[in-house]
Amino acid sequence: MNDSIIILMLGGSVFLGALALFGIMWAIKTGQFDDKDKFLNQVQYDGEEELNSAAEQERKKSALKKNKEGYRPE
């Protein structure tokens, strides 16, 4: 291949890569990926069973934490 073709392809790929990078940076800066209602919608549509399961997991976590505090190796 000619050197000019390689330079042209390399320059084009660097340009397109930089364009994509600037596009992603702009989207992050302007909040395009933020979903402020996500957590509110999850709670709103959770059933009673899922909420009871989450509460049970919290109780198990706190019980394990208590057991670890009382444990003293000899």
C-alpha atoms as a PDB file:
ATOM      1  CA  MET A   1       0.000   0.000   0.000  1.00  0.00           C
ATOM      2  CA  ASN A   2       1.006   3.560  -0.502  1.00  0.00           C
ATOM      3  CA  ASP A   3       2.110   5.569   2.476  1.00  0.00           C
ATOM      4  CA  SER A   4      -0.471   8.217   1.639  1.00  0.00           C
ATOM      5  CA  ILE A   5      -3.320   5.683   1.970  1.00  0.00           C
ATOM      6  CA  ILE A   6      -2.085   4.544   5.392  1.00  0.00           C
ATOM      7  CA  ILE A   7      -1.735   8.136   6.578  1.00  0.00           C
ATOM      8  CA  LEU A   8      -5.220   8.959   5.277  1.00  0.00           C
ATOM      9  CA  MET A   9      -6.762   5.918   7.015  1.00  0.00           C
ATOM     10  CA  LEU A  10      -4.907   6.641  10.247  1.00  0.00           C
ATOM     11  CA  GLY A  11      -5.932  10.297  10.206  1.00  0.00           C
ATOM     12  CA  GLY A  12      -9.568   9.390   9.513  1.00  0.00           C
ATOM     13  CA  SER A  13      -9.694   6.847  12.308  1.00  0.00           C
ATOM     14  CA  VAL A  14      -8.121   9.260  14.806  1.00  0.00           C
ATOM     15  CA  PHE A  15     -10.622  11.952  13.766  1.00  0.00           C
ATOM     16  CA  LEU A  16     -13.608   9.613  14.147  1.00  0.00           C
ATOM     17  CA  GLY A  17     -12.312   8.351  17.501  1.00  0.00           C
ATOM     18  CA  ALA A  18     -11.873  11.890  18.788  1.00  0.00           C
ATOM     19  CA  LEU A  19     -15.361  12.799  17.539  1.00  0.00           C
ATOM     20  CA  ALA A  20     -16.859   9.839  19.410  1.00  0.00           C
ATOM     21  CA  LEU A  21     -14.921  10.713  22.567  1.00  0.00           C
ATOM     22  CA  PHE A  22     -16.095  14.336  22.485  1.00  0.00           C
ATOM     23  CA  GLY A  23     -19.661  13.154  21.883  1.00  0.00           C
ATOM     24  CA  ILE A  24     -19.582  10.890  24.941  1.00  0.00           C
ATOM     25  CA  MET A  25     -17.980  13.592  27.077  1.00  0.00           C
ATOM     26  CA  TRP A  26     -20.663  16.084  25.984  1.00  0.00           C
ATOM     27  CA  ALA A  27     -23.448  13.589  26.797  1.00  0.00           C
ATOM     28  CA  ILE A  28     -22.049  12.954  30.273  1.00  0.00           C
ATOM     29  CA  LYS A  29     -21.573  16.683  30.937  1.00  0.00           C
ATOM     30  CA  THR A  30     -25.125  17.592  29.905  1.00  0.00           C
ATOM     31  CA  GLY A  31     -26.698  14.760  31.907  1.00  0.00           C
ATOM     32  CA  GLN A  32     -27.945  12.641  29.013  1.00  0.00           C
ATOM     33  CA  PHE A  33     -27.354   9.440  31.011  1.00  0.00           C
ATOM     34  CA  ASP A  34     -28.963  10.616  34.269  1.00  0.00           C
ATOM     35  CA  ASP A  35     -32.195   8.888  35.251  1.00  0.00           C
ATOM     36  CA  LYS A  36     -33.499  10.724  38.280  1.00  0.00           C
ATOM     37  CA  ASP A  37     -36.761   8.777  38.462  1.00  0.00           C
ATOM     38  CA  LYS A  38     -35.205   5.309  38.280  1.00  0.00           C
ATOM     39  CA  PHE A  39     -35.152   4.588  41.991  1.00  0.00           C
ATOM     40  CA  LEU A  40     -38.567   6.132  42.579  1.00  0.00           C
ATOM     41  CA  ASN A  41     -40.103   3.969  39.871  1.00  0.00           C
ATOM     42  CA  GLN A  42     -38.479   0.830  41.262  1.00  0.00           C
ATOM     43  CA  VAL A  43     -40.048   1.384  44.675  1.00  0.00           C
ATOM     44  CA  GLN A  44     -43.384   2.293  43.168  1.00  0.00           C
ATOM     45  CA  TYR A  45     -43.669  -0.941  41.185  1.00  0.00           C
ATOM     46  CA  ASP A  46     -42.150  -3.313  43.756  1.00  0.00           C
ATOM     47  CA  GLY A  47     -44.516  -5.884  45.142  1.00  0.00           C
ATOM     48  CA  GLU A  48     -45.008  -6.734  48.788  1.00  0.00           C
ATOM     49  CA  GLU A  49     -42.895  -9.878  48.451  1.00  0.00           C
ATOM     50  CA  GLU A  50     -39.839  -7.968  47.167  1.00  0.00           C
ATOM     51  CA  LEU A  51     -40.109  -5.403  49.957  1.00  0.00           C
ATOM     52  CA  ASN A  52     -40.393  -8.143  52.602  1.00  0.00           C
ATOM     53  CA  SER A  53     -37.361  -9.884  51.092  1.00  0.00           C
ATOM     54  CA  ALA A  54     -35.318  -6.669  51.263  1.00  0.00           C
ATOM     55  CA  ALA A  55     -36.340  -6.127  54.895  1.00  0.00           C
ATOM     56  CA  GLU A  56     -35.360  -9.713  55.765  1.00  0.00           C
ATOM     57  CA  GLN A  57     -31.949  -9.223  54.160  1.00  0.00           C
ATOM     58  CA  GLU A  58     -31.409  -6.081  56.239  1.00  0.00           C
ATOM     59  CA  ARG A  59     -32.290  -7.980  59.417  1.00  0.00           C
ATOM     60  CA  LYS A  60     -29.835 -10.767  58.509  1.00  0.00           C
ATOM     61  CA  LYS A  61     -27.112  -8.205  57.829  1.00  0.00           C
ATOM     62  CA  SER A  62     -27.572  -6.510  61.179  1.00  0.00           C
ATOM     63  CA  ALA A  63     -27.636  -9.891  62.973  1.00  0.00           C
ATOM     64  CA  LEU A  64     -24.356 -10.897  61.318  1.00  0.00           C
ATOM     65  CA  LYS A  65     -22.824  -7.553  62.254  1.00  0.00           C
ATOM     66  CA  LYS A  66     -23.852  -8.086  65.895  1.00  0.00           C
ATOM     67  CA  ASN A  67     -22.338 -11.588  65.906  1.00  0.00           C
ATOM     68  CA  LYS A  68     -19.061 -10.303  64.517  1.00  0.00           C
ATOM     69  CA  GLU A  69     -18.846  -7.622  67.219  1.00  0.00           C
ATOM     70  CA  GLY A  70     -19.332 -10.177  69.977  1.00  0.00           C
ATOM     71  CA  TYR A  71     -16.809 -12.640  68.523  1.00  0.00           C
ATOM     72  CA  ARG A  72     -13.398 -12.565  70.163  1.00  0.00           C
ATOM     73  CA  PRO A  73     -10.855 -15.204  69.178  1.00  0.00           C
ATOM     74  CA  GLU A  74      -8.741 -16.651  71.964  1.00  0.00           C
END
